[in-house]
Amino acid sequence: MAEVSIDRLRSGSILQKDVLLESGALLIREGTVVNDRQIQLMKQRGVRSVSIVEADDVEVSTEVTPLVLAERTKRLETAFAPVEQVPHMAGIREAARDRLRLRRPWE
């Protein structure tokens, strides 16, 4: 784990700990791979530094947690609900559902 100044944080870094606001409210959850938009948001909210995972600490896993899988499944079902009676959409939904378990499902 490394503590990094927000000015030195780079897109693609993985957060080791939750990023909290001064009020204690959660801004970004641990394990998030940060992007430029999130870095800008943290700067705007006054975050000065964050803990990130160092390359040696990264555990290679291709699957997501059950909580993430449940949320993705819920969003998928909601998105496909309006077109569930369209025959070819069922096949597309099933193909998408097969990829939900992967950490980066659309790559």
N, C-alpha and C. Protein backbone atom coordinates (compact mmCIF):
# COMPACT_ATOMS: atom_id res chain seq x y z
N MET A 1 0.85 -1.18 0.00
CA MET A 1 0.00 0.00 0.00
C MET A 1 0.88 1.23 0.00
N ALA A 2 0.46 2.25 -0.73
CA ALA A 2 1.21 3.50 -0.78
C ALA A 2 0.24 4.66 -0.64
N GLU A 3 0.64 5.64 0.15
CA GLU A 3 -0.13 6.87 0.28
C GLU A 3 0.38 7.81 -0.80
N VAL A 4 -0.54 8.32 -1.64
CA VAL A 4 -0.16 9.15 -2.78
C VAL A 4 -0.91 10.47 -2.73
N SER A 5 -0.18 11.54 -2.99
CA SER A 5 -0.79 12.86 -3.10
C SER A 5 -1.78 12.84 -4.27
N ILE A 6 -2.89 13.53 -4.12
CA ILE A 6 -3.90 13.56 -5.17
C ILE A 6 -3.31 14.14 -6.46
N ASP A 7 -2.32 15.02 -6.34
CA ASP A 7 -1.68 15.60 -7.52
C ASP A 7 -0.80 14.59 -8.26
N ARG A 8 -0.39 13.53 -7.59
CA ARG A 8 0.44 12.50 -8.22
C ARG A 8 -0.36 11.25 -8.60
N LEU A 9 -1.63 11.23 -8.22
CA LEU A 9 -2.49 10.09 -8.53
C LEU A 9 -2.73 10.02 -10.03
N ARG A 10 -2.66 8.84 -10.59
CA ARG A 10 -2.84 8.64 -12.03
C ARG A 10 -4.03 7.73 -12.31
N SER A 11 -4.65 7.99 -13.44
CA SER A 11 -5.74 7.15 -13.92
C SER A 11 -5.23 5.72 -14.03
N GLY A 12 -6.04 4.77 -13.57
CA GLY A 12 -5.64 3.36 -13.59
C GLY A 12 -5.16 2.85 -12.25
N SER A 13 -4.90 3.77 -11.29
CA SER A 13 -4.51 3.36 -9.94
C SER A 13 -5.70 2.71 -9.25
N ILE A 14 -5.41 1.77 -8.35
CA ILE A 14 -6.47 1.07 -7.63
C ILE A 14 -6.48 1.57 -6.18
N LEU A 15 -7.64 2.00 -5.70
CA LEU A 15 -7.75 2.50 -4.34
C LEU A 15 -7.66 1.37 -3.33
N GLN A 16 -6.78 1.52 -2.35
CA GLN A 16 -6.61 0.52 -1.28
C GLN A 16 -7.67 0.70 -0.20
N LYS A 17 -8.08 1.95 0.01
CA LYS A 17 -9.07 2.26 1.05
C LYS A 17 -10.17 3.13 0.46
N ASP A 18 -11.34 3.14 1.13
CA ASP A 18 -12.41 4.05 0.74
C ASP A 18 -11.90 5.48 0.82
N VAL A 19 -12.39 6.32 -0.09
CA VAL A 19 -12.09 7.75 -0.04
C VAL A 19 -13.30 8.42 0.60
N LEU A 20 -13.06 9.04 1.76
CA LEU A 20 -14.13 9.67 2.52
C LEU A 20 -13.99 11.19 2.47
N LEU A 21 -15.12 11.87 2.51
CA LEU A 21 -15.12 13.32 2.63
C LEU A 21 -14.87 13.69 4.08
N GLU A 22 -14.59 14.96 4.35
CA GLU A 22 -14.38 15.41 5.73
C GLU A 22 -15.57 15.09 6.62
N SER A 23 -16.77 15.07 6.03
CA SER A 23 -17.98 14.78 6.78
C SER A 23 -18.10 13.30 7.13
N GLY A 24 -17.23 12.47 6.52
CA GLY A 24 -17.29 11.04 6.74
C GLY A 24 -18.08 10.30 5.67
N ALA A 25 -18.68 11.05 4.76
CA ALA A 25 -19.45 10.45 3.67
C ALA A 25 -18.51 9.77 2.67
N LEU A 26 -18.96 8.64 2.16
CA LEU A 26 -18.18 7.89 1.18
C LEU A 26 -18.19 8.62 -0.16
N LEU A 27 -17.01 8.84 -0.72
CA LEU A 27 -16.90 9.46 -2.04
C LEU A 27 -16.64 8.39 -3.10
N ILE A 28 -15.61 7.55 -2.87
CA ILE A 28 -15.27 6.48 -3.81
C ILE A 28 -14.86 5.26 -3.01
N ARG A 29 -15.38 4.11 -3.40
CA ARG A 29 -15.17 2.86 -2.67
C ARG A 29 -13.80 2.25 -2.96
N GLU A 30 -13.24 1.59 -1.94
CA GLU A 30 -11.96 0.89 -2.11
C GLU A 30 -12.08 -0.14 -3.22
N GLY A 31 -10.96 -0.40 -3.91
CA GLY A 31 -10.96 -1.35 -5.01
C GLY A 31 -11.29 -0.73 -6.34
N THR A 32 -11.72 0.53 -6.34
CA THR A 32 -12.05 1.23 -7.58
C THR A 32 -10.79 1.52 -8.37
N VAL A 33 -10.82 1.27 -9.66
CA VAL A 33 -9.75 1.68 -10.56
C VAL A 33 -10.11 3.09 -10.99
N VAL A 34 -9.37 4.08 -10.51
CA VAL A 34 -9.76 5.47 -10.72
C VAL A 34 -9.48 5.94 -12.14
N ASN A 35 -10.32 6.86 -12.58
CA ASN A 35 -10.14 7.48 -13.89
C ASN A 35 -9.94 8.98 -13.69
N ASP A 36 -9.67 9.69 -14.77
CA ASP A 36 -9.40 11.13 -14.68
C ASP A 36 -10.57 11.92 -14.09
N ARG A 37 -11.78 11.52 -14.42
CA ARG A 37 -12.97 12.22 -13.90
C ARG A 37 -13.05 12.09 -12.36
N GLN A 38 -12.76 10.89 -11.85
CA GLN A 38 -12.80 10.68 -10.41
C GLN A 38 -11.67 11.44 -9.70
N ILE A 39 -10.51 11.51 -10.33
CA ILE A 39 -9.40 12.28 -9.75
C ILE A 39 -9.79 13.74 -9.65
N GLN A 40 -10.41 14.27 -10.71
CA GLN A 40 -10.88 15.66 -10.70
C GLN A 40 -11.91 15.88 -9.60
N LEU A 41 -12.83 14.93 -9.44
CA LEU A 41 -13.85 15.01 -8.40
C LEU A 41 -13.21 15.05 -7.01
N MET A 42 -12.22 14.19 -6.78
CA MET A 42 -11.54 14.18 -5.48
C MET A 42 -10.86 15.52 -5.22
N LYS A 43 -10.23 16.09 -6.23
CA LYS A 43 -9.58 17.40 -6.07
C LYS A 43 -10.61 18.46 -5.71
N GLN A 44 -11.74 18.45 -6.41
CA GLN A 44 -12.80 19.42 -6.16
C GLN A 44 -13.36 19.30 -4.75
N ARG A 45 -13.39 18.09 -4.22
CA ARG A 45 -13.95 17.83 -2.89
C ARG A 45 -12.92 17.97 -1.78
N GLY A 46 -11.69 18.38 -2.12
CA GLY A 46 -10.69 18.65 -1.10
C GLY A 46 -9.90 17.45 -0.62
N VAL A 47 -9.94 16.34 -1.35
CA VAL A 47 -9.15 15.18 -0.97
C VAL A 47 -7.69 15.50 -1.28
N ARG A 48 -6.82 15.29 -0.30
CA ARG A 48 -5.40 15.63 -0.48
C ARG A 48 -4.54 14.43 -0.84
N SER A 49 -4.90 13.25 -0.33
CA SER A 49 -4.13 12.04 -0.64
C SER A 49 -5.03 10.82 -0.51
N VAL A 50 -4.59 9.74 -1.14
CA VAL A 50 -5.33 8.48 -1.09
C VAL A 50 -4.34 7.33 -0.95
N SER A 51 -4.85 6.20 -0.49
CA SER A 51 -4.04 4.98 -0.41
C SER A 51 -4.32 4.16 -1.66
N ILE A 52 -3.27 3.76 -2.35
CA ILE A 52 -3.44 2.95 -3.54
C ILE A 52 -2.71 1.62 -3.40
N VAL A 53 -3.13 0.66 -4.17
CA VAL A 53 -2.51 -0.66 -4.20
C VAL A 53 -1.25 -0.56 -5.04
N GLU A 54 -0.16 -1.10 -4.52
CA GLU A 54 1.07 -1.15 -5.29
C GLU A 54 1.04 -2.38 -6.18
N ALA A 55 1.79 -2.37 -7.25
CA ALA A 55 1.77 -3.46 -8.23
C ALA A 55 2.02 -4.82 -7.59
N ASP A 56 2.90 -4.90 -6.59
CA ASP A 56 3.20 -6.18 -5.94
C ASP A 56 2.03 -6.71 -5.12
N ASP A 57 1.11 -5.83 -4.73
CA ASP A 57 -0.02 -6.23 -3.89
C ASP A 57 -1.24 -6.67 -4.68
N VAL A 58 -1.21 -6.49 -6.00
CA VAL A 58 -2.38 -6.76 -6.82
C VAL A 58 -2.62 -8.26 -6.94
N GLU A 59 -3.82 -8.66 -6.59
CA GLU A 59 -4.23 -10.05 -6.71
C GLU A 59 -4.96 -10.19 -8.04
N VAL A 60 -4.53 -11.09 -8.88
CA VAL A 60 -5.15 -11.25 -10.20
C VAL A 60 -6.41 -12.09 -10.06
N SER A 61 -7.53 -11.47 -10.37
CA SER A 61 -8.81 -12.15 -10.32
C SER A 61 -9.64 -11.66 -11.48
N THR A 62 -10.31 -12.57 -12.14
CA THR A 62 -11.13 -12.17 -13.28
C THR A 62 -12.60 -12.06 -12.91
N GLU A 63 -12.98 -12.48 -11.71
CA GLU A 63 -14.38 -12.44 -11.32
C GLU A 63 -14.66 -11.36 -10.29
N VAL A 64 -15.89 -10.89 -10.26
CA VAL A 64 -16.32 -9.85 -9.34
C VAL A 64 -16.93 -10.46 -8.08
N THR A 65 -17.13 -9.64 -7.09
CA THR A 65 -17.74 -10.11 -5.85
C THR A 65 -19.23 -10.38 -6.06
N PRO A 66 -19.84 -11.17 -5.20
CA PRO A 66 -21.28 -11.44 -5.33
C PRO A 66 -22.14 -10.17 -5.28
N LEU A 67 -21.72 -9.19 -4.48
CA LEU A 67 -22.47 -7.94 -4.38
C LEU A 67 -22.46 -7.19 -5.72
N VAL A 68 -21.29 -7.12 -6.35
CA VAL A 68 -21.17 -6.45 -7.64
C VAL A 68 -21.97 -7.22 -8.69
N LEU A 69 -21.89 -8.54 -8.66
CA LEU A 69 -22.64 -9.36 -9.61
C LEU A 69 -24.15 -9.13 -9.46
N ALA A 70 -24.63 -9.06 -8.23
CA ALA A 70 -26.06 -8.82 -8.00
C ALA A 70 -26.49 -7.46 -8.54
N GLU A 71 -25.67 -6.44 -8.33
CA GLU A 71 -25.99 -5.10 -8.82
C GLU A 71 -25.98 -5.07 -10.35
N ARG A 72 -24.99 -5.70 -10.95
CA ARG A 72 -24.93 -5.74 -12.41
C ARG A 72 -26.12 -6.49 -12.99
N THR A 73 -26.50 -7.59 -12.37
CA THR A 73 -27.64 -8.37 -12.85
C THR A 73 -28.92 -7.55 -12.76
N LYS A 74 -29.09 -6.84 -11.66
CA LYS A 74 -30.27 -5.99 -11.48
C LYS A 74 -30.34 -4.92 -12.57
N ARG A 75 -29.21 -4.27 -12.85
CA ARG A 75 -29.17 -3.22 -13.88
C ARG A 75 -29.44 -3.81 -15.26
N LEU A 76 -28.92 -4.99 -15.53
CA LEU A 76 -29.14 -5.63 -16.82
C LEU A 76 -30.62 -5.95 -17.01
N GLU A 77 -31.24 -6.54 -15.99
CA GLU A 77 -32.65 -6.89 -16.09
C GLU A 77 -33.52 -5.65 -16.27
N THR A 78 -33.18 -4.58 -15.59
CA THR A 78 -33.92 -3.32 -15.73
C THR A 78 -33.79 -2.78 -17.15
N ALA A 79 -32.57 -2.85 -17.69
CA ALA A 79 -32.33 -2.33 -19.04
C ALA A 79 -33.08 -3.12 -20.11
N PHE A 80 -33.19 -4.43 -19.92
CA PHE A 80 -33.82 -5.27 -20.92
C PHE A 80 -35.33 -5.45 -20.72
N ALA A 81 -35.88 -5.01 -19.61
CA ALA A 81 -37.30 -5.19 -19.33
C ALA A 81 -38.21 -4.65 -20.44
N PRO A 82 -37.94 -3.46 -20.97
CA PRO A 82 -38.85 -2.93 -22.00
C PRO A 82 -38.84 -3.72 -23.31
N VAL A 83 -37.82 -4.52 -23.56
CA VAL A 83 -37.72 -5.25 -24.84
C VAL A 83 -37.72 -6.75 -24.65
N GLU A 84 -38.19 -7.24 -23.51
CA GLU A 84 -38.11 -8.68 -23.23
C GLU A 84 -38.95 -9.52 -24.19
N GLN A 85 -39.93 -8.95 -24.84
CA GLN A 85 -40.77 -9.71 -25.78
C GLN A 85 -40.19 -9.75 -27.20
N VAL A 86 -39.12 -9.00 -27.43
CA VAL A 86 -38.48 -8.99 -28.76
C VAL A 86 -37.56 -10.20 -28.83
N PRO A 87 -37.81 -11.15 -29.76
CA PRO A 87 -37.08 -12.42 -29.78
C PRO A 87 -35.56 -12.32 -29.78
N HIS A 88 -34.97 -11.52 -30.63
CA HIS A 88 -33.51 -11.48 -30.69
C HIS A 88 -32.88 -10.79 -29.47
N MET A 89 -33.64 -10.02 -28.74
CA MET A 89 -33.11 -9.34 -27.55
C MET A 89 -32.84 -10.33 -26.42
N ALA A 90 -33.56 -11.42 -26.36
CA ALA A 90 -33.32 -12.43 -25.33
C ALA A 90 -31.92 -13.02 -25.48
N GLY A 91 -31.50 -13.26 -26.71
CA GLY A 91 -30.16 -13.77 -26.96
C GLY A 91 -29.08 -12.77 -26.57
N ILE A 92 -29.33 -11.52 -26.85
CA ILE A 92 -28.37 -10.47 -26.48
C ILE A 92 -28.29 -10.36 -24.96
N ARG A 93 -29.44 -10.42 -24.30
CA ARG A 93 -29.45 -10.35 -22.83
C ARG A 93 -28.67 -11.51 -22.23
N GLU A 94 -28.85 -12.71 -22.76
CA GLU A 94 -28.14 -13.88 -22.23
C GLU A 94 -26.63 -13.75 -22.45
N ALA A 95 -26.23 -13.25 -23.60
CA ALA A 95 -24.80 -13.05 -23.86
C ALA A 95 -24.22 -12.03 -22.87
N ALA A 96 -24.95 -10.97 -22.60
CA ALA A 96 -24.50 -9.96 -21.65
C ALA A 96 -24.44 -10.56 -20.24
N ARG A 97 -25.44 -11.35 -19.87
CA ARG A 97 -25.48 -11.96 -18.54
C ARG A 97 -24.26 -12.87 -18.32
N ASP A 98 -23.83 -13.58 -19.37
CA ASP A 98 -22.65 -14.45 -19.26
C ASP A 98 -21.38 -13.68 -18.93
N ARG A 99 -21.33 -12.42 -19.32
CA ARG A 99 -20.12 -11.61 -19.10
C ARG A 99 -20.12 -10.84 -17.79
N LEU A 100 -21.24 -10.81 -17.08
CA LEU A 100 -21.35 -10.01 -15.87
C LEU A 100 -20.39 -10.43 -14.76
N ARG A 101 -19.98 -11.68 -14.73
CA ARG A 101 -19.09 -12.17 -13.68
C ARG A 101 -17.66 -11.68 -13.83
N LEU A 102 -17.31 -11.20 -15.01
CA LEU A 102 -15.93 -10.77 -15.26
C LEU A 102 -15.67 -9.38 -14.70
N ARG A 103 -14.46 -9.16 -14.21
CA ARG A 103 -14.08 -7.88 -13.63
C ARG A 103 -14.23 -6.75 -14.66
N ARG A 104 -13.86 -7.00 -15.90
CA ARG A 104 -14.01 -6.03 -16.98
C ARG A 104 -14.86 -6.69 -18.07
N PRO A 105 -16.18 -6.69 -17.91
CA PRO A 105 -17.05 -7.50 -18.75
C PRO A 105 -17.08 -7.15 -20.24
N TRP A 106 -16.73 -5.94 -20.60
CA TRP A 106 -16.93 -5.56 -22.00
C TRP A 106 -15.62 -5.45 -22.77
N GLU A 107 -14.54 -5.97 -22.22
CA GLU A 107 -13.26 -5.95 -22.94
C GLU A 107 -13.03 -7.28 -23.60
